[in-house]
Amino acid sequence: MKPAFYLLATYVQEIQLLAIRPHLDAILGKRQWNFDLEDCDKVLRIHCNHSTKEKVIRFLKRNELFSKELNYLESEQYAHIGKVHKLLTYRRSVNT
């Protein structure tokens, strides 16, 4: 089956990415997915076949992170795959 492009609305927050990254890499492979957490839908973009998309949705549902599947314009299909932004490092200041 030919890989396709899917957009999934999620409830993922940036702090959760470190925990779910290994699971998404195991299901999809590295560089086959990314998030747009600045979007109000916390969009997960994936490039895979239909059965793999269903595995991702099951993983997200199991962790209460799935909202819905989104439609997209054909011109958006490969716009962001492979352009994963680095995670921000959270630092707590220590008063001395």
PDB file of N, CA and C in Angstrom:
ATOM      1  N   MET A   1       0.839  -1.180   0.000  1.00  0.00           N
ATOM      2  CA  MET A   1       0.000   0.000   0.000  1.00  0.00           C
ATOM      3  C   MET A   1       0.886   1.246   0.000  1.00  0.00           C
ATOM      4  N   LYS A   2       0.547   2.204  -0.829  1.00  0.00           N
ATOM      5  CA  LYS A   2       1.332   3.421  -0.978  1.00  0.00           C
ATOM      6  C   LYS A   2       1.180   4.339   0.237  1.00  0.00           C
ATOM      7  N   PRO A   3       2.304   4.892   0.728  1.00  0.00           N
ATOM      8  CA  PRO A   3       2.217   5.835   1.847  1.00  0.00           C
ATOM      9  C   PRO A   3       1.415   7.076   1.467  1.00  0.00           C
ATOM     10  N   ALA A   4       0.750   7.639   2.433  1.00  0.00           N
ATOM     11  CA  ALA A   4      -0.035   8.855   2.244  1.00  0.00           C
ATOM     12  C   ALA A   4       0.295   9.836   3.353  1.00  0.00           C
ATOM     13  N   PHE A   5      -0.270  10.989   3.255  1.00  0.00           N
ATOM     14  CA  PHE A   5      -0.049  12.069   4.204  1.00  0.00           C
ATOM     15  C   PHE A   5      -1.320  12.265   5.016  1.00  0.00           C
ATOM     16  N   TYR A   6      -1.173  12.368   6.343  1.00  0.00           N
ATOM     17  CA  TYR A   6      -2.331  12.551   7.216  1.00  0.00           C
ATOM     18  C   TYR A   6      -2.049  13.659   8.229  1.00  0.00           C
ATOM     19  N   LEU A   7      -3.108  14.363   8.605  1.00  0.00           N
ATOM     20  CA  LEU A   7      -3.045  15.376   9.654  1.00  0.00           C
ATOM     21  C   LEU A   7      -3.968  14.939  10.777  1.00  0.00           C
ATOM     22  N   LEU A   8      -3.443  14.926  11.988  1.00  0.00           N
ATOM     23  CA  LEU A   8      -4.234  14.530  13.147  1.00  0.00           C
ATOM     24  C   LEU A   8      -4.225  15.658  14.173  1.00  0.00           C
ATOM     25  N   ALA A   9      -5.399  16.054  14.624  1.00  0.00           N
ATOM     26  CA  ALA A   9      -5.499  17.027  15.710  1.00  0.00           C
ATOM     27  C   ALA A   9      -5.278  16.270  17.014  1.00  0.00           C
ATOM     28  N   THR A  10      -4.463  16.839  17.890  1.00  0.00           N
ATOM     29  CA  THR A  10      -4.124  16.161  19.144  1.00  0.00           C
ATOM     30  C   THR A  10      -4.256  17.119  20.324  1.00  0.00           C
ATOM     31  N   TYR A  11      -4.019  16.569  21.501  1.00  0.00           N
ATOM     32  CA  TYR A  11      -3.962  17.362  22.732  1.00  0.00           C
ATOM     33  C   TYR A  11      -2.536  17.385  23.287  1.00  0.00           C
ATOM     34  N   VAL A  12      -1.560  17.087  22.460  1.00  0.00           N
ATOM     35  CA  VAL A  12      -0.164  16.980  22.900  1.00  0.00           C
ATOM     36  C   VAL A  12       0.387  18.366  23.270  1.00  0.00           C
ATOM     37  N   GLN A  13       1.074  18.398  24.387  1.00  0.00           N
ATOM     38  CA  GLN A  13       1.778  19.605  24.820  1.00  0.00           C
ATOM     39  C   GLN A  13       3.271  19.377  24.622  1.00  0.00           C
ATOM     40  N   GLU A  14       4.023  20.438  24.493  1.00  0.00           N
ATOM     41  CA  GLU A  14       5.456  20.329  24.206  1.00  0.00           C
ATOM     42  C   GLU A  14       6.194  19.476  25.233  1.00  0.00           C
ATOM     43  N   ILE A  15       5.837  19.600  26.475  1.00  0.00           N
ATOM     44  CA  ILE A  15       6.509  18.849  27.533  1.00  0.00           C
ATOM     45  C   ILE A  15       6.320  17.335  27.352  1.00  0.00           C
ATOM     46  N   GLN A  16       5.262  16.918  26.664  1.00  0.00           N
ATOM     47  CA  GLN A  16       4.971  15.497  26.448  1.00  0.00           C
ATOM     48  C   GLN A  16       5.768  14.894  25.286  1.00  0.00           C
ATOM     49  N   LEU A  17       6.363  15.721  24.446  1.00  0.00           N
ATOM     50  CA  LEU A  17       7.059  15.215  23.264  1.00  0.00           C
ATOM     51  C   LEU A  17       8.201  14.264  23.599  1.00  0.00           C
ATOM     52  N   LEU A  18       8.937  14.554  24.646  1.00  0.00           N
ATOM     53  CA  LEU A  18      10.047  13.672  25.013  1.00  0.00           C
ATOM     54  C   LEU A  18       9.560  12.269  25.346  1.00  0.00           C
ATOM     55  N   ALA A  19       8.391  12.172  25.944  1.00  0.00           N
ATOM     56  CA  ALA A  19       7.858  10.869  26.334  1.00  0.00           C
ATOM     57  C   ALA A  19       7.268  10.105  25.151  1.00  0.00           C
ATOM     58  N   ILE A  20       6.646  10.807  24.217  1.00  0.00           N
ATOM     59  CA  ILE A  20       5.986  10.095  23.116  1.00  0.00           C
ATOM     60  C   ILE A  20       6.866   9.930  21.881  1.00  0.00           C
ATOM     61  N   ARG A  21       7.947  10.677  21.789  1.00  0.00           N
ATOM     62  CA  ARG A  21       8.827  10.585  20.613  1.00  0.00           C
ATOM     63  C   ARG A  21       9.282   9.147  20.324  1.00  0.00           C
ATOM     64  N   PRO A  22       9.794   8.389  21.306  1.00  0.00           N
ATOM     65  CA  PRO A  22      10.248   7.028  21.000  1.00  0.00           C
ATOM     66  C   PRO A  22       9.122   6.128  20.472  1.00  0.00           C
ATOM     67  N   HIS A  23       7.911   6.344  20.953  1.00  0.00           N
ATOM     68  CA  HIS A  23       6.776   5.532  20.510  1.00  0.00           C
ATOM     69  C   HIS A  23       6.404   5.853  19.060  1.00  0.00           C
ATOM     70  N   LEU A  24       6.389   7.145  18.729  1.00  0.00           N
ATOM     71  CA  LEU A  24       6.079   7.524  17.348  1.00  0.00           C
ATOM     72  C   LEU A  24       7.192   7.091  16.390  1.00  0.00           C
ATOM     73  N   ASP A  25       8.440   7.188  16.839  1.00  0.00           N
ATOM     74  CA  ASP A  25       9.554   6.715  16.006  1.00  0.00           C
ATOM     75  C   ASP A  25       9.427   5.210  15.756  1.00  0.00           C
ATOM     76  N   ALA A  26       9.003   4.454  16.773  1.00  0.00           N
ATOM     77  CA  ALA A  26       8.859   3.002  16.625  1.00  0.00           C
ATOM     78  C   ALA A  26       7.720   2.648  15.665  1.00  0.00           C
ATOM     79  N   ILE A  27       6.645   3.407  15.711  1.00  0.00           N
ATOM     80  CA  ILE A  27       5.494   3.127  14.846  1.00  0.00           C
ATOM     81  C   ILE A  27       5.743   3.623  13.424  1.00  0.00           C
ATOM     82  N   LEU A  28       6.245   4.855  13.302  1.00  0.00           N
ATOM     83  CA  LEU A  28       6.337   5.517  12.002  1.00  0.00           C
ATOM     84  C   LEU A  28       7.734   5.541  11.396  1.00  0.00           C
ATOM     85  N   GLY A  29       8.739   5.530  12.227  1.00  0.00           N
ATOM     86  CA  GLY A  29      10.105   5.748  11.758  1.00  0.00           C
ATOM     87  C   GLY A  29      10.480   7.215  11.936  1.00  0.00           C
ATOM     88  N   LYS A  30      11.751   7.460  12.114  1.00  0.00           N
ATOM     89  CA  LYS A  30      12.225   8.829  12.306  1.00  0.00           C
ATOM     90  C   LYS A  30      12.008   9.635  11.032  1.00  0.00           C
ATOM     91  N   ARG A  31      11.748  10.903  11.215  1.00  0.00           N
ATOM     92  CA  ARG A  31      11.567  11.862  10.126  1.00  0.00           C
ATOM     93  C   ARG A  31      10.328  11.592   9.276  1.00  0.00           C
ATOM     94  N   GLN A  32       9.395  10.796   9.780  1.00  0.00           N
ATOM     95  CA  GLN A  32       8.144  10.554   9.064  1.00  0.00           C
ATOM     96  C   GLN A  32       6.963  11.229   9.764  1.00  0.00           C
ATOM     97  N   TRP A  33       7.274  12.059  10.746  1.00  0.00           N
ATOM     98  CA  TRP A  33       6.225  12.736  11.499  1.00  0.00           C
ATOM     99  C   TRP A  33       6.778  14.010  12.120  1.00  0.00           C
ATOM    100  N   ASN A  34       5.875  14.933  12.439  1.00  0.00           N
ATOM    101  CA  ASN A  34       6.222  16.104  13.243  1.00  0.00           C
ATOM    102  C   ASN A  34       4.949  16.756  13.766  1.00  0.00           C
ATOM    103  N   PHE A  35       5.140  17.632  14.723  1.00  0.00           N
ATOM    104  CA  PHE A  35       4.031  18.352  15.330  1.00  0.00           C
ATOM    105  C   PHE A  35       4.118  19.835  14.994  1.00  0.00           C
ATOM    106  N   ASP A  36       2.959  20.456  14.910  1.00  0.00           N
ATOM    107  CA  ASP A  36       2.862  21.912  14.890  1.00  0.00           C
ATOM    108  C   ASP A  36       2.105  22.279  16.152  1.00  0.00           C
ATOM    109  N   LEU A  37       2.848  22.465  17.232  1.00  0.00           N
ATOM    110  CA  LEU A  37       2.223  22.733  18.525  1.00  0.00           C
ATOM    111  C   LEU A  37       1.775  24.182  18.671  1.00  0.00           C
ATOM    112  N   GLU A  38       2.172  25.032  17.735  1.00  0.00           N
ATOM    113  CA  GLU A  38       1.705  26.416  17.760  1.00  0.00           C
ATOM    114  C   GLU A  38       0.303  26.529  17.175  1.00  0.00           C
ATOM    115  N   ASP A  39      -0.108  25.541  16.418  1.00  0.00           N
ATOM    116  CA  ASP A  39      -1.460  25.499  15.860  1.00  0.00           C
ATOM    117  C   ASP A  39      -2.439  25.177  16.986  1.00  0.00           C
ATOM    118  N   CYS A  40      -3.636  25.730  16.932  1.00  0.00           N
ATOM    119  CA  CYS A  40      -4.623  25.487  17.992  1.00  0.00           C
ATOM    120  C   CYS A  40      -5.021  24.017  18.078  1.00  0.00           C
ATOM    121  N   ASP A  41      -4.856  23.244  16.981  1.00  0.00           N
ATOM    122  CA  ASP A  41      -5.193  21.824  16.980  1.00  0.00           C
ATOM    123  C   ASP A  41      -4.022  20.924  17.351  1.00  0.00           C
ATOM    124  N   LYS A  42      -2.858  21.501  17.675  1.00  0.00           N
ATOM    125  CA  LYS A  42      -1.670  20.705  18.035  1.00  0.00           C
ATOM    126  C   LYS A  42      -1.484  19.587  17.001  1.00  0.00           C
ATOM    127  N   VAL A  43      -1.318  19.988  15.745  1.00  0.00           N
ATOM    128  CA  VAL A  43      -1.364  19.077  14.604  1.00  0.00           C
ATOM    129  C   VAL A  43      -0.153  18.153  14.538  1.00  0.00           C
ATOM    130  N   LEU A  44      -0.442  16.873  14.374  1.00  0.00           N
ATOM    131  CA  LEU A  44       0.574  15.861  14.109  1.00  0.00           C
ATOM    132  C   LEU A  44       0.487  15.529  12.624  1.00  0.00           C
ATOM    133  N   ARG A  45       1.589  15.725  11.896  1.00  0.00           N
ATOM    134  CA  ARG A  45       1.657  15.397  10.473  1.00  0.00           C
ATOM    135  C   ARG A  45       2.409  14.084  10.328  1.00  0.00           C
ATOM    136  N   ILE A  46       1.824  13.140   9.608  1.00  0.00           N
ATOM    137  CA  ILE A  46       2.474  11.846   9.435  1.00  0.00           C
ATOM    138  C   ILE A  46       2.455  11.439   7.960  1.00  0.00           C
ATOM    139  N   HIS A  47       3.468  10.685   7.561  1.00  0.00           N
ATOM    140  CA  HIS A  47       3.570  10.143   6.205  1.00  0.00           C
ATOM    141  C   HIS A  47       3.699   8.641   6.356  1.00  0.00           C
ATOM    142  N   CYS A  48       2.624   7.923   6.033  1.00  0.00           N
ATOM    143  CA  CYS A  48       2.596   6.474   6.252  1.00  0.00           C
ATOM    144  C   CYS A  48       1.427   5.864   5.491  1.00  0.00           C
ATOM    145  N   ASN A  49       1.265   4.551   5.608  1.00  0.00           N
ATOM    146  CA  ASN A  49       0.099   3.913   5.003  1.00  0.00           C
ATOM    147  C   ASN A  49      -1.069   3.951   5.990  1.00  0.00           C
ATOM    148  N   HIS A  50      -2.244   3.544   5.519  1.00  0.00           N
ATOM    149  CA  HIS A  50      -3.462   3.641   6.327  1.00  0.00           C
ATOM    150  C   HIS A  50      -3.384   2.820   7.618  1.00  0.00           C
ATOM    151  N   SER A  51      -2.863   1.604   7.543  1.00  0.00           N
ATOM    152  CA  SER A  51      -2.818   0.763   8.747  1.00  0.00           C
ATOM    153  C   SER A  51      -1.877   1.352   9.799  1.00  0.00           C
ATOM    154  N   THR A  52      -0.788   1.974   9.365  1.00  0.00           N
ATOM    155  CA  THR A  52       0.125   2.622  10.309  1.00  0.00           C
ATOM    156  C   THR A  52      -0.538   3.842  10.937  1.00  0.00           C
ATOM    157  N   LYS A  53      -1.294   4.586  10.143  1.00  0.00           N
ATOM    158  CA  LYS A  53      -2.036   5.730  10.686  1.00  0.00           C
ATOM    159  C   LYS A  53      -2.975   5.254  11.792  1.00  0.00           C
ATOM    160  N   GLU A  54      -3.638   4.126  11.574  1.00  0.00           N
ATOM    161  CA  GLU A  54      -4.547   3.587  12.582  1.00  0.00           C
ATOM    162  C   GLU A  54      -3.795   3.209  13.858  1.00  0.00           C
ATOM    163  N   LYS A  55      -2.566   2.698  13.744  1.00  0.00           N
ATOM    164  CA  LYS A  55      -1.743   2.386  14.920  1.00  0.00           C
ATOM    165  C   LYS A  55      -1.424   3.660  15.701  1.00  0.00           C
ATOM    166  N   VAL A  56      -1.100   4.725  14.979  1.00  0.00           N
ATOM    167  CA  VAL A  56      -0.804   6.010  15.627  1.00  0.00           C
ATOM    168  C   VAL A  56      -2.041   6.512  16.362  1.00  0.00           C
ATOM    169  N   ILE A  57      -3.183   6.442  15.714  1.00  0.00           N
ATOM    170  CA  ILE A  57      -4.423   6.896  16.351  1.00  0.00           C
ATOM    171  C   ILE A  57      -4.722   6.068  17.598  1.00  0.00           C
ATOM    172  N   ARG A  58      -4.540   4.754  17.530  1.00  0.00           N
ATOM    173  CA  ARG A  58      -4.753   3.914  18.723  1.00  0.00           C
ATOM    174  C   ARG A  58      -3.812   4.313  19.855  1.00  0.00           C
ATOM    175  N   PHE A  59      -2.530   4.575  19.519  1.00  0.00           N
ATOM    176  CA  PHE A  59      -1.565   5.015  20.537  1.00  0.00           C
ATOM    177  C   PHE A  59      -2.019   6.333  21.169  1.00  0.00           C
ATOM    178  N   LEU A  60      -2.414   7.291  20.335  1.00  0.00           N
ATOM    179  CA  LEU A  60      -2.850   8.589  20.852  1.00  0.00           C
ATOM    180  C   LEU A  60      -4.117   8.454  21.691  1.00  0.00           C
ATOM    181  N   LYS A  61      -5.072   7.653  21.246  1.00  0.00           N
ATOM    182  CA  LYS A  61      -6.309   7.453  22.012  1.00  0.00           C
ATOM    183  C   LYS A  61      -6.028   6.797  23.357  1.00  0.00           C
ATOM    184  N   ARG A  62      -5.152   5.786  23.347  1.00  0.00           N
ATOM    185  CA  ARG A  62      -4.800   5.081  24.582  1.00  0.00           C
ATOM    186  C   ARG A  62      -4.230   6.052  25.615  1.00  0.00           C
ATOM    187  N   ASN A  63      -3.562   7.090  25.138  1.00  0.00           N
ATOM    188  CA  ASN A  63      -2.950   8.077  26.030  1.00  0.00           C
ATOM    189  C   ASN A  63      -3.760   9.367  26.124  1.00  0.00           C
ATOM    190  N   GLU A  64      -5.003   9.302  25.644  1.00  0.00           N
ATOM    191  CA  GLU A  64      -5.934  10.437  25.696  1.00  0.00           C
ATOM    192  C   GLU A  64      -5.356  11.689  25.045  1.00  0.00           C
ATOM    193  N   LEU A  65      -4.723  11.511  23.880  1.00  0.00           N
ATOM    194  CA  LEU A  65      -4.093  12.617  23.167  1.00  0.00           C
ATOM    195  C   LEU A  65      -4.697  12.862  21.794  1.00  0.00           C
ATOM    196  N   PHE A  66      -5.652  12.042  21.361  1.00  0.00           N
ATOM    197  CA  PHE A  66      -6.216  12.162  20.013  1.00  0.00           C
ATOM    198  C   PHE A  66      -7.482  12.992  20.036  1.00  0.00           C
ATOM    199  N   SER A  67      -7.597  13.918  19.072  1.00  0.00           N
ATOM    200  CA  SER A  67      -8.802  14.720  18.938  1.00  0.00           C
ATOM    201  C   SER A  67      -9.594  14.278  17.710  1.00  0.00           C
ATOM    202  N   LYS A  68      -8.999  14.460  16.506  1.00  0.00           N
ATOM    203  CA  LYS A  68      -9.700  14.076  15.275  1.00  0.00           C
ATOM    204  C   LYS A  68      -8.730  14.100  14.106  1.00  0.00           C
ATOM    205  N   GLU A  69      -9.144  13.503  13.004  1.00  0.00           N
ATOM    206  CA  GLU A  69      -8.362  13.571  11.774  1.00  0.00           C
ATOM    207  C   GLU A  69      -8.789  14.821  11.019  1.00  0.00           C
ATOM    208  N   LEU A  70      -7.809  15.520  10.449  1.00  0.00           N
ATOM    209  CA  LEU A  70      -8.072  16.771   9.739  1.00  0.00           C
ATOM    210  C   LEU A  70      -7.918  16.596   8.232  1.00  0.00           C
ATOM    211  N   ASN A  71      -8.623  17.416   7.474  1.00  0.00           N
ATOM    212  CA  ASN A  71      -8.436  17.475   6.026  1.00  0.00           C
ATOM    213  C   ASN A  71      -7.351  18.495   5.722  1.00  0.00           C
ATOM    214  N   TYR A  72      -6.750  18.413   4.555  1.00  0.00           N
ATOM    215  CA  TYR A  72      -5.700  19.341   4.179  1.00  0.00           C
ATOM    216  C   TYR A  72      -5.785  19.632   2.691  1.00  0.00           C
ATOM    217  N   LEU A  73      -5.145  20.727   2.306  1.00  0.00           N
ATOM    218  CA  LEU A  73      -5.038  21.076   0.895  1.00  0.00           C
ATOM    219  C   LEU A  73      -3.926  20.258   0.276  1.00  0.00           C
ATOM    220  N   GLU A  74      -4.073  19.883  -0.973  1.00  0.00           N
ATOM    221  CA  GLU A  74      -3.068  19.078  -1.667  1.00  0.00           C
ATOM    222  C   GLU A  74      -1.697  19.754  -1.646  1.00  0.00           C
ATOM    223  N   SER A  75      -1.663  21.089  -1.712  1.00  0.00           N
ATOM    224  CA  SER A  75      -0.394  21.820  -1.708  1.00  0.00           C
ATOM    225  C   SER A  75       0.329  21.732  -0.366  1.00  0.00           C
ATOM    226  N   GLU A  76      -0.379  21.376   0.701  1.00  0.00           N
ATOM    227  CA  GLU A  76       0.218  21.268   2.041  1.00  0.00           C
ATOM    228  C   GLU A  76       0.820  19.894   2.307  1.00  0.00           C
ATOM    229  N   GLN A  77       0.632  18.962   1.408  1.00  0.00           N
ATOM    230  CA  GLN A  77       0.916  17.567   1.683  1.00  0.00           C
ATOM    231  C   GLN A  77       2.298  17.301   2.253  1.00  0.00           C
ATOM    232  N   TYR A  78       3.344  17.826   1.660  1.00  0.00           N
ATOM    233  CA  TYR A  78       4.695  17.524   2.142  1.00  0.00           C
ATOM    234  C   TYR A  78       5.404  18.752   2.703  1.00  0.00           C
ATOM    235  N   ALA A  79       4.666  19.758   3.056  1.00  0.00           N
ATOM    236  CA  ALA A  79       5.247  21.029   3.459  1.00  0.00           C
ATOM    237  C   ALA A  79       6.162  20.933   4.675  1.00  0.00           C
ATOM    238  N   HIS A  80       5.827  20.101   5.631  1.00  0.00           N
ATOM    239  CA  HIS A  80       6.581  20.128   6.885  1.00  0.00           C
ATOM    240  C   HIS A  80       7.192  18.798   7.295  1.00  0.00           C
ATOM    241  N   ILE A  81       6.944  17.747   6.579  1.00  0.00           N
ATOM    242  CA  ILE A  81       7.522  16.457   6.954  1.00  0.00           C
ATOM    243  C   ILE A  81       9.040  16.552   6.858  1.00  0.00           C
ATOM    244  N   GLY A  82       9.702  16.093   7.890  1.00  0.00           N
ATOM    245  CA  GLY A  82      11.158  16.117   7.911  1.00  0.00           C
ATOM    246  C   GLY A  82      11.744  17.402   8.461  1.00  0.00           C
ATOM    247  N   LYS A  83      10.907  18.398   8.712  1.00  0.00           N
ATOM    248  CA  LYS A  83      11.380  19.663   9.264  1.00  0.00           C
ATOM    249  C   LYS A  83      10.935  19.773  10.716  1.00  0.00           C
ATOM    250  N   VAL A  84      11.406  18.863  11.518  1.00  0.00           N
ATOM    251  CA  VAL A  84      11.020  18.822  12.926  1.00  0.00           C
ATOM    252  C   VAL A  84      11.831  19.859  13.693  1.00  0.00           C
ATOM    253  N   HIS A  85      11.132  20.682  14.421  1.00  0.00           N
ATOM    254  CA  HIS A  85      11.810  21.700  15.223  1.00  0.00           C
ATOM    255  C   HIS A  85      12.387  21.071  16.481  1.00  0.00           C
ATOM    256  N   LYS A  86      13.523  21.565  16.897  1.00  0.00           N
ATOM    257  CA  LYS A  86      14.140  21.074  18.132  1.00  0.00           C
ATOM    258  C   LYS A  86      13.261  21.424  19.315  1.00  0.00           C
ATOM    259  N   LEU A  87      13.276  20.539  20.288  1.00  0.00           N
ATOM    260  CA  LEU A  87      12.517  20.791  21.505  1.00  0.00           C
ATOM    261  C   LEU A  87      13.209  21.854  22.342  1.00  0.00           C
ATOM    262  N   LEU A  88      12.418  22.661  22.975  1.00  0.00           N
ATOM    263  CA  LEU A  88      12.977  23.645  23.899  1.00  0.00           C
ATOM    264  C   LEU A  88      13.399  22.932  25.174  1.00  0.00           C
ATOM    265  N   THR A  89      14.439  23.396  25.777  1.00  0.00           N
ATOM    266  CA  THR A  89      14.889  22.841  27.051  1.00  0.00           C
ATOM    267  C   THR A  89      14.300  23.702  28.147  1.00  0.00           C
ATOM    268  N   TYR A  90      13.680  23.059  29.092  1.00  0.00           N
ATOM    269  CA  TYR A  90      13.111  23.776  30.215  1.00  0.00           C
ATOM    270  C   TYR A  90      14.141  23.867  31.319  1.00  0.00           C
ATOM    271  N   ARG A  91      14.353  25.076  31.782  1.00  0.00           N
ATOM    272  CA  ARG A  91      15.329  25.290  32.852  1.00  0.00           C
ATOM    273  C   ARG A  91      14.643  26.026  33.994  1.00  0.00           C
ATOM    274  N   ARG A  92      14.945  25.598  35.178  1.00  0.00           N
ATOM    275  CA  ARG A  92      14.455  26.263  36.363  1.00  0.00           C
ATOM    276  C   ARG A  92      15.586  27.067  36.955  1.00  0.00           C
ATOM    277  N   SER A  93      15.338  28.315  37.230  1.00  0.00           N
ATOM    278  CA  SER A  93      16.393  29.111  37.847  1.00  0.00           C
ATOM    279  C   SER A  93      16.480  28.775  39.335  1.00  0.00           C
ATOM    280  N   VAL A  94      17.690  28.750  39.806  1.00  0.00           N
ATOM    281  CA  VAL A  94      17.922  28.442  41.209  1.00  0.00           C
ATOM    282  C   VAL A  94      18.451  29.705  41.874  1.00  0.00           C
ATOM    283  N   ASN A  95      17.754  30.150  42.881  1.00  0.00           N
ATOM    284  CA  ASN A  95      18.197  31.349  43.605  1.00  0.00           C
ATOM    285  C   ASN A  95      19.288  30.953  44.587  1.00  0.00           C
ATOM    286  N   THR A  96      20.397  31.658  44.523  1.00  0.00           N
ATOM    287  CA  THR A  96      21.482  31.376  45.458  1.00  0.00           C
ATOM    288  C   THR A  96      21.720  32.534  46.380  1.00  0.00           C
TER     289      THR A  96
END
